[in-house]
Protein backbone atom coordinates (compact mmCIF):
# COMPACT_ATOMS: atom_id res chain seq x y z
CA MET A 1 -25.32 -16.87 -36.46
CA PRO A 2 -26.15 -16.04 -40.09
CA LEU A 3 -23.98 -16.59 -43.13
CA SER A 4 -24.76 -14.42 -46.13
CA LEU A 5 -23.57 -15.20 -49.64
CA THR A 6 -23.43 -12.58 -52.39
CA SER A 7 -22.80 -13.50 -56.02
CA LEU A 8 -20.54 -10.88 -57.56
CA ASN A 9 -20.51 -12.12 -61.16
CA GLY A 10 -23.20 -14.82 -61.40
CA ASP A 11 -20.45 -17.43 -61.78
CA SER A 12 -17.95 -18.42 -59.06
CA ALA A 13 -17.02 -15.07 -57.51
CA PHE A 14 -18.76 -14.92 -54.13
CA LEU A 15 -18.60 -12.78 -51.02
CA LEU A 16 -19.14 -14.75 -47.80
CA THR A 17 -20.01 -12.86 -44.61
CA PHE A 18 -19.93 -14.83 -41.36
CA THR A 19 -21.67 -12.98 -38.52
CA PRO A 20 -21.54 -14.42 -34.97
CA SER A 21 -24.20 -13.97 -32.34
CA SER A 22 -24.09 -10.74 -30.35
CA ASN A 23 -20.83 -10.23 -28.42
CA ASN A 24 -19.62 -13.72 -29.26
CA GLY A 25 -16.87 -12.73 -31.67
CA ALA A 26 -16.16 -10.83 -34.86
CA THR A 27 -17.68 -10.79 -38.31
CA ILE A 28 -15.35 -12.31 -40.92
CA THR A 29 -15.73 -11.59 -44.63
CA VAL A 30 -14.24 -13.85 -47.30
CA LEU A 31 -13.95 -13.20 -51.03
CA LEU A 32 -13.89 -16.24 -53.34
CA ASP A 33 -12.35 -16.34 -56.85
CA PRO A 34 -12.84 -12.69 -57.84
CA TRP A 35 -13.22 -12.23 -61.61
CA LEU A 36 -15.07 -9.10 -62.70
CA HIS A 37 -13.83 -8.33 -66.21
CA SER A 38 -11.22 -9.06 -68.90
CA PRO A 39 -11.09 -12.30 -70.91
CA ALA A 40 -9.66 -15.38 -69.19
CA SER A 41 -7.56 -17.55 -71.46
CA ILE A 42 -5.81 -20.89 -71.01
CA ILE A 43 -2.35 -21.27 -72.59
CA HIS A 44 -3.30 -18.87 -75.42
CA PRO A 45 -6.57 -17.10 -76.42
CA ARG A 46 -6.67 -19.15 -79.63
CA PHE A 47 -6.57 -22.34 -77.56
CA ALA A 48 -9.28 -21.40 -75.05
CA SER A 49 -10.74 -18.12 -73.88
CA GLN A 50 -13.86 -17.06 -72.03
CA SER A 51 -15.52 -13.80 -71.00
CA LEU A 52 -18.37 -12.97 -68.66
CA ILE A 53 -21.75 -12.25 -70.23
CA ALA A 54 -23.56 -11.14 -67.07
CA VAL A 55 -22.63 -7.72 -65.72
CA PRO A 56 -21.04 -8.09 -62.26
CA VAL A 57 -22.62 -6.22 -59.36
CA ILE A 58 -19.41 -4.20 -59.02
CA SER A 59 -16.84 -3.29 -61.67
CA SER A 60 -13.81 -3.10 -59.40
CA LEU A 61 -12.69 -4.70 -56.13
CA SER A 62 -11.98 -1.22 -54.80
CA SER A 63 -15.73 -1.02 -54.13
CA LEU A 64 -15.56 -3.83 -51.57
CA ALA A 65 -12.96 -1.97 -49.57
CA SER A 66 -14.85 1.32 -49.52
CA ALA A 67 -18.48 0.40 -48.83
CA LYS A 68 -20.77 -2.53 -48.05
CA LEU A 69 -22.85 -4.22 -50.72
CA LYS A 70 -26.60 -3.92 -50.58
CA SER A 71 -28.46 -6.23 -48.22
CA ALA A 72 -30.58 -9.18 -49.31
CA GLU A 73 -33.74 -7.08 -48.96
CA SER A 74 -32.60 -4.67 -51.68
CA VAL A 75 -30.87 -6.89 -54.21
CA GLU A 76 -32.88 -5.72 -57.20
CA SER A 77 -31.75 -2.13 -56.71
CA ALA A 78 -28.16 -3.01 -55.87
CA THR A 79 -25.72 -0.75 -57.63
CA GLU A 80 -22.01 -0.27 -57.37
CA PRO A 81 -21.14 1.65 -54.17
CA ALA A 82 -19.23 4.86 -54.64
CA ALA A 83 -15.59 4.50 -53.73
CA GLU A 84 -14.28 6.81 -51.04
CA SER A 85 -10.58 7.52 -51.39
CA GLY A 86 -8.44 6.43 -48.45
CA GLU A 87 -11.30 4.87 -46.49
CA CYS A 88 -11.88 1.13 -45.98
CA LYS A 89 -15.14 0.47 -44.16
CA SER A 90 -15.51 -3.28 -44.68
CA PRO A 91 -12.71 -4.86 -46.70
CA PRO A 92 -12.62 -8.66 -46.94
CA ASP A 93 -10.49 -10.29 -44.27
CA ALA A 94 -9.36 -12.96 -46.72
CA ILE A 95 -9.37 -13.72 -50.43
CA LEU A 96 -9.54 -17.43 -51.33
CA LEU A 97 -8.42 -18.62 -54.76
CA SER A 98 -9.45 -22.12 -55.78
CA GLN A 99 -7.00 -22.43 -58.68
CA ALA A 100 -4.51 -20.56 -60.86
CA ASP A 101 -6.56 -20.09 -64.06
CA SER A 102 -7.54 -16.49 -64.89
CA ASP A 103 -11.27 -17.00 -64.36
CA HIS A 104 -10.49 -17.79 -60.71
CA CYS A 105 -7.20 -15.97 -60.16
CA SER A 106 -7.64 -12.87 -62.32
CA PRO A 107 -4.63 -10.53 -62.49
CA ALA A 108 -6.70 -7.68 -63.95
CA THR A 109 -9.32 -7.92 -61.20
CA LEU A 110 -6.92 -8.44 -58.30
CA SER A 111 -4.66 -5.57 -59.41
CA GLU A 112 -7.51 -3.14 -58.69
CA TYR A 113 -7.81 -4.14 -55.05
CA PRO A 114 -6.55 -1.36 -52.70
CA TRP A 115 -3.85 -3.47 -51.07
CA SER A 116 -2.16 -0.51 -49.41
CA LEU A 117 -5.36 0.34 -47.50
CA THR A 118 -6.22 -3.14 -46.22
CA PRO A 119 -4.55 -6.04 -44.36
CA THR A 120 -6.36 -8.62 -46.50
CA GLU A 121 -4.56 -11.97 -46.87
CA VAL A 122 -4.69 -14.31 -49.87
CA PHE A 123 -5.16 -18.05 -49.28
CA CYS A 124 -4.23 -20.17 -52.29
CA SER A 125 -2.36 -23.22 -53.56
CA SER A 126 1.35 -23.15 -54.32
CA GLU A 127 0.55 -23.15 -58.06
CA SER A 128 -1.64 -20.05 -57.70
CA ALA A 129 1.00 -18.40 -55.52
CA GLY A 130 3.63 -18.98 -58.21
CA ARG A 131 1.43 -17.31 -60.80
CA ILE A 132 0.68 -14.36 -58.51
CA ARG A 133 4.38 -13.82 -57.81
CA SER A 134 4.98 -13.53 -61.56
CA TRP A 135 2.81 -10.41 -61.77
CA PRO A 136 5.01 -7.26 -61.88
CA TRP A 137 2.55 -5.11 -59.94
CA TRP A 138 2.45 -7.69 -57.12
CA ARG A 139 6.24 -7.74 -56.81
CA GLU A 140 6.54 -3.96 -57.02
CA ALA A 141 4.02 -3.53 -54.21
CA GLY A 142 5.94 -6.00 -52.01
CA LEU A 143 2.86 -8.09 -51.26
CA ASP A 144 4.46 -11.52 -50.84
CA GLY A 145 3.82 -11.41 -47.11
CA ARG A 146 0.07 -11.50 -47.80
CA LEU A 147 0.21 -14.98 -49.35
CA ARG A 148 -0.91 -17.95 -47.22
CA ILE A 149 -0.06 -21.18 -49.04
CA LEU A 150 -2.63 -23.95 -48.65
CA LYS A 151 -1.47 -27.54 -48.38
CA GLN A 152 -3.27 -30.87 -48.14
CA LYS A 153 -4.35 -31.75 -44.57
CA LYS A 154 -2.68 -28.63 -43.16
CA PRO A 155 -5.45 -26.10 -42.45
CA LEU A 156 -4.51 -22.46 -42.06
CA ALA A 157 -6.29 -20.19 -39.60
CA LEU A 158 -7.29 -16.56 -39.38
CA THR A 159 -8.53 -15.17 -36.05
CA LYS A 160 -10.28 -11.89 -35.39
CA VAL A 161 -11.41 -10.25 -32.15
CA GLY A 162 -14.82 -8.61 -32.10
CA PHE A 163 -15.30 -4.97 -31.08
CA THR A 164 -18.35 -2.98 -30.03
CA THR A 165 -19.35 0.26 -31.72
CA ALA A 166 -17.57 2.06 -28.86
CA GLY A 167 -14.32 0.33 -29.78
CA GLU A 168 -14.28 -2.05 -26.83
CA SER A 169 -13.43 -5.72 -27.38
CA THR A 170 -16.26 -8.22 -27.08
CA SER A 171 -16.23 -11.38 -25.00
CA GLY A 172 -14.82 -13.60 -27.75
CA GLU A 173 -13.02 -14.04 -31.04
CA SER A 174 -13.91 -15.65 -34.33
CA LYS A 175 -11.76 -18.14 -36.21
CA LEU A 176 -11.65 -19.07 -39.87
CA GLU A 177 -9.95 -22.32 -40.90
CA VAL A 178 -9.14 -22.95 -44.55
CA GLU A 179 -7.95 -26.28 -45.94
CA LEU A 180 -7.02 -27.45 -49.44
CA LEU A 181 -8.55 -30.78 -50.48
CA GLU A 182 -6.57 -32.02 -53.46
CA ALA A 183 -7.55 -34.62 -56.02
CA LYS A 184 -5.33 -37.67 -55.47
CA TYR A 185 -4.26 -38.71 -58.96
CA PRO A 186 -2.67 -36.82 -61.90
CA TRP A 187 -5.43 -37.89 -64.33
CA GLN A 188 -7.98 -36.19 -62.07
CA ILE A 189 -6.26 -32.85 -62.83
CA PRO A 190 -5.68 -31.71 -59.21
CA SER A 191 -5.07 -28.12 -60.33
CA VAL A 192 -8.71 -27.95 -61.49
CA HIS A 193 -10.63 -30.52 -59.44
CA SER A 194 -9.52 -29.70 -55.92
CA ALA A 195 -11.73 -28.09 -53.28
CA ILE A 196 -11.39 -25.57 -50.46
CA ALA A 197 -12.89 -26.44 -47.09
CA ILE A 198 -13.91 -23.46 -44.94
CA THR A 199 -14.82 -23.65 -41.25
CA PHE A 200 -15.95 -20.60 -39.28
CA SER A 201 -16.23 -20.87 -35.51
CA SER A 202 -17.17 -18.48 -32.74
CA ARG A 203 -17.59 -19.95 -29.25
CA GLU A 204 -20.08 -22.81 -29.63
CA GLU A 205 -21.11 -21.83 -33.17
CA VAL A 206 -19.68 -23.52 -36.26
CA ILE A 207 -20.41 -23.06 -39.98
CA ARG A 208 -18.90 -25.37 -42.63
CA VAL A 209 -18.60 -24.47 -46.31
CA LEU A 210 -17.22 -26.54 -49.19
CA PHE A 211 -16.11 -24.61 -52.30
CA SER A 212 -15.30 -26.53 -55.49
CA PRO A 213 -16.20 -24.48 -58.60
CA HIS A 214 -15.29 -27.31 -61.01
CA GLY A 215 -16.40 -30.13 -58.71
CA SER A 216 -14.06 -32.72 -57.23
CA PRO A 217 -13.76 -36.51 -57.08
CA TRP A 218 -15.66 -37.88 -54.08
CA GLY A 219 -12.46 -39.36 -52.68
CA CYS A 220 -10.95 -35.87 -52.60
CA VAL A 221 -13.54 -34.45 -50.15
CA LYS A 222 -14.86 -37.57 -48.42
CA SER A 223 -12.70 -37.45 -45.28
CA TRP A 224 -13.39 -33.76 -44.63
CA VAL A 225 -17.12 -34.00 -45.29
CA GLY A 226 -17.47 -37.01 -42.96
CA ASN A 227 -20.90 -37.16 -41.38
CA LYS A 228 -20.94 -33.60 -40.04
CA LYS A 229 -23.54 -31.15 -41.25
CA LEU A 230 -22.48 -29.02 -44.22
CA ASP A 231 -24.09 -25.59 -44.17
CA LEU A 232 -23.19 -24.53 -47.70
CA LEU A 233 -22.02 -26.40 -50.80
CA LEU A 234 -20.64 -24.30 -53.67
CA TRP A 235 -20.42 -26.79 -56.53
CA PRO A 236 -21.46 -26.86 -60.24
CA TRP A 237 -24.63 -28.53 -61.48
CA HIS A 238 -23.67 -28.66 -65.17
CA HIS A 239 -21.33 -31.42 -66.36
CA VAL A 240 -18.71 -30.29 -68.88
CA ASN A 241 -16.43 -32.72 -70.66
CA ASN A 242 -13.57 -32.68 -73.16
CA PRO A 243 -11.95 -35.68 -74.90
CA TRP A 244 -9.38 -37.41 -72.73
CA TRP A 245 -6.56 -36.01 -74.85
CA LEU A 246 -7.70 -32.49 -73.92
CA GLY A 247 -7.83 -33.20 -70.20
CA GLY A 248 -11.21 -34.94 -69.97
CA GLU A 249 -13.69 -33.70 -67.41
CA VAL A 250 -13.87 -29.92 -66.96
CA ALA A 251 -16.74 -29.69 -64.45
CA ALA A 252 -17.82 -32.69 -62.36
CA GLY A 253 -21.36 -31.36 -62.05
CA PHE A 254 -24.44 -32.69 -60.29
CA GLU A 255 -23.70 -36.41 -60.30
CA CYS A 256 -20.54 -35.95 -58.25
CA GLY A 257 -22.01 -33.25 -56.01
CA ARG A 258 -24.93 -35.51 -55.19
CA LYS A 259 -22.52 -37.88 -53.41
CA VAL A 260 -21.78 -35.11 -50.91
CA CYS A 261 -25.51 -34.66 -50.25
CA GLU A 262 -25.98 -38.41 -49.82
CA ALA A 263 -23.12 -38.68 -47.34
CA THR A 264 -24.16 -35.95 -44.93
CA GLU A 265 -26.80 -33.29 -44.25
CA VAL A 266 -26.35 -30.35 -46.64
CA SER A 267 -28.41 -27.25 -45.87
CA HIS A 268 -27.85 -25.32 -49.11
CA TRP A 269 -26.33 -26.08 -52.50
CA VAL A 270 -25.51 -23.06 -54.66
CA ALA A 271 -24.57 -23.73 -58.30
CA SER A 272 -21.04 -22.48 -58.93
CA HIS A 273 -19.28 -21.67 -62.21
CA ASP A 274 -22.40 -22.58 -64.23
CA ASP A 275 -23.23 -19.15 -65.64
CA ASP A 276 -23.31 -18.60 -69.40
CA LYS A 277 -20.03 -17.24 -70.74
CA GLU A 278 -18.74 -16.22 -74.13
CA VAL A 279 -16.28 -18.98 -75.01
CA SER A 280 -13.93 -19.26 -77.95
CA GLY A 281 -10.82 -21.08 -79.02
CA TRP A 282 -9.79 -24.34 -80.61
CA VAL A 283 -10.61 -26.49 -77.57
CA THR A 284 -14.29 -25.50 -77.57
CA ARG A 285 -14.89 -27.56 -80.73
CA TRP A 286 -14.88 -30.74 -78.65
CA MET A 287 -16.43 -29.46 -75.42
CA VAL A 288 -19.73 -31.14 -74.45
CA THR A 289 -22.01 -29.75 -71.72
CA ARG A 290 -24.84 -31.59 -69.99
CA PHE A 291 -27.10 -28.93 -68.50
CA TRP A 292 -28.83 -29.34 -65.14
CA GLY A 293 -31.55 -26.86 -64.19
CA GLU A 294 -33.02 -26.53 -60.71
CA GLU A 295 -36.09 -28.61 -61.55
CA LYS A 296 -33.99 -31.46 -62.93
CA VAL A 297 -31.60 -31.34 -59.95
CA ARG A 298 -34.50 -31.44 -57.49
CA GLU A 299 -36.05 -34.37 -59.36
CA HIS A 300 -32.87 -36.45 -59.04
CA LEU A 301 -31.89 -35.38 -55.53
CA ARG A 302 -33.67 -37.41 -52.87
CA GLU A 303 -32.16 -35.50 -49.97
CA ARG A 304 -33.81 -32.29 -48.77
CA VAL A 305 -31.39 -29.55 -49.78
CA GLY A 306 -32.00 -25.87 -50.46
CA LEU A 307 -31.07 -25.28 -54.11
CA TRP A 308 -29.94 -21.92 -55.43
CA ARG A 309 -28.67 -20.42 -58.67
CA LEU A 310 -27.70 -16.82 -57.93
CA LYS A 311 -27.48 -14.08 -60.51
CA ALA A 312 -24.90 -11.31 -60.14
CA GLY A 313 -25.91 -9.15 -57.19
CA GLU A 314 -28.27 -11.65 -55.59
CA VAL A 315 -27.81 -12.49 -51.93
CA MET A 316 -28.91 -15.54 -49.96
CA THR A 317 -28.65 -16.27 -46.25
CA VAL A 318 -28.08 -19.70 -44.77
CA GLY A 319 -31.30 -20.36 -42.95
CA GLY A 320 -33.02 -17.53 -44.80
CA LYS A 321 -34.33 -16.62 -48.24
CA LYS A 322 -32.72 -15.43 -51.44
CA GLY A 323 -32.94 -11.68 -51.90
CA GLU A 324 -35.50 -10.49 -54.42
């Protein structure tokens, strides 16, 4: 049962496609933290602002609802699929938002999604939901029923029945469970350093994914990680820090992610939110980044883990190879 991961912007916007074995359920597609364009600012652009440098593989989320992205075998020639008005061939079943900041919960990007043509649901924290409800276009479209609010230790589920090409139901259904893992203490900045746990199951098959684009304290994810195999870890390698009076740690980076790899078997670790961005604003004067490349990560990581840093448009498959 393969899991494919497509990087949409080279940063933390990913498309996950869970495909069960033949006739054992349905394929479920999940979109993580879509941000394709427009500057993302915190409080005010003069305080902190960032923009993507890499060109995303698509320019609008409408493309995801109208055609499939290129496969891993043709990543280099991947171009934006042509949108077909009124037709949704493979829209994401769910959109997962890790936090409320604009580089993860982008109003400009999300406003372009063809909500009227798809039943896609949005899984997010109460803070993200509050921000989304403040958007005029969201209220005018009457989309509040699409929001699924994530809470600590209360996983939410999405189920989907598989169908054959002839339109007949298959012998099973697939299930996606999503759980918010929150940092415990206020000084850990829970709004930034929480994680989303994703479990896909279809009959006897299970795939577990941990998504934390800024990294999380080990205590935040420890109980969920346990000693069960983790198929995919989406976590930053770089460590980014501000003075304590500006919030302290921005990205927990490799040192914290290594604890996950030491605690259980991790098949693949994909660097998340590490891509170069154009940053500006007053807060950047004090920001310090410790860079971790693949060679350095491999040198310090004793456990055998597949390491990946995906550019926009690249695809990797759990158990397979990165598209070239």
